[in-house]
Protein backbone atom coordinates (compact mmCIF):
# COMPACT_ATOMS: atom_id res chain seq x y z
CA MET A 1 72.21 -11.13 37.73
CA LEU A 2 70.91 -10.29 41.23
CA ASN A 3 72.21 -13.43 42.60
CA ASP A 4 75.75 -12.08 42.15
CA SER A 5 75.02 -8.68 43.39
CA ALA A 6 75.44 -7.07 47.05
CA VAL A 7 72.31 -5.90 48.81
CA THR A 8 72.19 -2.67 50.87
CA ALA A 9 69.18 -2.50 53.46
CA ASN A 10 67.78 1.16 53.65
CA VAL A 11 66.80 2.11 57.28
CA PRO A 12 64.41 5.25 57.62
CA ALA A 13 65.25 7.82 60.34
CA SER A 14 62.95 10.92 61.04
CA ASP A 15 65.85 12.59 62.85
CA LEU A 16 69.21 11.52 61.42
CA ASP A 17 71.32 13.19 64.39
CA ARG A 18 69.34 11.29 66.93
CA ALA A 19 69.68 8.20 64.87
CA ARG A 20 73.30 8.72 64.43
CA ARG A 21 73.78 8.99 68.42
CA PHE A 22 71.82 5.90 68.92
CA TYR A 23 73.59 3.84 66.52
CA ALA A 24 76.72 4.92 68.27
CA ASP A 25 76.16 5.15 71.74
CA THR A 26 73.88 2.12 72.01
CA LEU A 27 74.64 -0.07 69.26
CA GLY A 28 78.37 0.69 68.93
CA LEU A 29 78.35 1.47 65.11
CA THR A 30 80.26 4.01 63.26
CA PRO A 31 79.34 5.29 59.79
CA ALA A 32 81.75 4.21 56.96
CA ASP A 33 80.81 6.91 55.04
CA GLU A 34 78.56 10.02 55.12
CA THR A 35 76.58 11.24 51.89
CA PRO A 36 74.26 14.19 51.42
CA GLY A 37 71.36 11.78 51.57
CA GLY A 38 72.40 9.87 54.83
CA LEU A 39 75.04 7.68 56.65
CA VAL A 40 76.35 4.31 55.19
CA TYR A 41 77.18 1.60 57.92
CA THR A 42 79.29 -1.46 57.25
CA THR A 43 79.64 -4.10 59.71
CA ALA A 44 82.78 -6.55 60.05
CA GLY A 45 80.31 -9.21 59.16
CA GLY A 46 80.04 -7.77 55.55
CA THR A 47 76.62 -6.12 55.77
CA THR A 48 76.01 -2.50 54.53
CA PHE A 49 72.97 -0.52 55.33
CA PHE A 50 72.03 3.08 54.67
CA LEU A 51 70.27 5.16 57.18
CA TYR A 52 68.52 8.08 55.49
CA GLN A 53 66.11 10.82 56.76
CA THR A 54 62.41 10.69 55.98
CA GLU A 55 59.32 11.50 57.63
CA TYR A 56 57.87 7.79 57.15
CA ALA A 57 60.53 6.42 59.73
CA GLY A 58 59.12 3.89 62.24
CA GLN A 59 56.05 3.16 60.36
CA ALA A 60 56.75 -0.48 59.45
CA GLY A 61 54.77 -2.86 61.69
CA HIS A 62 57.65 -5.68 61.18
CA THR A 63 61.21 -6.27 61.66
CA ILE A 64 63.24 -4.42 59.20
CA ALA A 65 66.93 -5.67 60.12
CA GLN A 66 68.36 -8.55 61.76
CA TRP A 67 71.79 -8.88 63.24
CA HIS A 68 72.91 -12.57 63.26
CA VAL A 69 75.06 -13.29 66.38
CA ASP A 70 76.60 -16.20 68.07
CA ASP A 71 75.09 -15.35 71.73
CA VAL A 72 71.67 -13.78 71.69
CA ALA A 73 71.68 -13.53 75.45
CA GLY A 74 74.94 -12.03 75.68
CA GLU A 75 74.07 -9.35 73.21
CA VAL A 76 70.95 -8.59 75.05
CA ARG A 77 72.67 -8.18 78.28
CA ASP A 78 75.15 -5.87 76.77
CA LEU A 79 72.57 -3.65 75.15
CA ALA A 80 70.27 -3.71 78.18
CA ALA A 81 73.10 -2.37 80.22
CA LYS A 82 73.28 0.63 77.79
CA GLY A 83 69.60 1.23 78.41
CA LEU A 84 68.28 -0.52 75.40
CA VAL A 85 64.67 -1.79 76.06
CA PHE A 86 63.48 -5.10 74.56
CA GLU A 87 60.16 -5.77 72.89
CA HIS A 88 58.05 -8.73 73.49
CA TYR A 89 55.76 -10.27 71.10
CA ASP A 90 53.05 -12.84 71.44
CA MET A 91 53.71 -15.51 69.03
CA PRO A 92 52.61 -19.07 68.55
CA GLY A 93 55.24 -21.60 69.64
CA VAL A 94 57.45 -18.99 71.26
CA THR A 95 58.84 -19.17 74.82
CA TRP A 96 60.49 -16.31 76.67
CA GLU A 97 63.35 -16.27 79.21
CA GLY A 98 63.63 -12.65 79.98
CA ASP A 99 64.05 -10.63 76.77
CA VAL A 100 65.17 -13.65 74.72
CA ALA A 101 62.70 -15.74 72.77
CA SER A 102 63.21 -19.39 71.80
CA ILE A 103 61.57 -20.36 68.64
CA GLU A 104 61.30 -24.05 68.04
CA GLY A 105 63.66 -25.19 65.04
CA LEU A 106 64.87 -21.49 64.67
CA GLY A 107 66.72 -20.80 67.69
CA SER A 108 66.90 -17.55 70.01
CA ALA A 109 66.15 -14.12 69.14
CA ALA A 110 65.31 -10.60 70.56
CA TRP A 111 63.68 -7.49 69.07
CA PHE A 112 64.10 -3.83 70.03
CA LYS A 113 63.18 -0.42 68.36
CA ASP A 114 65.88 1.87 67.43
CA SER A 115 65.60 5.69 68.12
CA GLU A 116 63.42 6.14 65.17
CA GLY A 117 60.78 3.25 66.03
CA ASN A 118 62.18 0.82 63.60
CA ILE A 119 61.86 -2.80 64.70
CA MET A 120 65.10 -4.55 64.75
CA CYS A 121 66.08 -8.07 65.70
CA ILE A 122 69.17 -9.88 67.05
CA ASP A 123 69.03 -13.66 66.23
CA GLU A 124 71.04 -16.75 66.60
CA ASN A 125 73.71 -17.30 63.74
CA ARG A 126 72.40 -20.36 62.26
CA ALA A 127 75.36 -20.54 59.80
CA GLY A 128 78.12 -20.63 62.56
């Protein structure tokens, strides 16, 4: 059954070399494996995602991946220091303090686009 299976996210990249540099230099991630089709990343948190080349990268108008962290503001500070620019969205019930959104009943979050135009999110780890 699917409930007992692992899930891997697929993240599109129009330029795989540029995306590799962004994920390494800005996000601090190193591929765990490289295949002819792309790069496999595995985080210490147990998540796997596949970065693959396609002409359709950056076309989703929604968040395609989220990192669940204990300190959203701290992660935002660290990533902003590396030059990452954060997105701001006008959403009902959301208040902003700098680049960090507070969402009633959900906690804190911040959004950015990767080098390929994909929308990513850092949000509060609600399980911890």
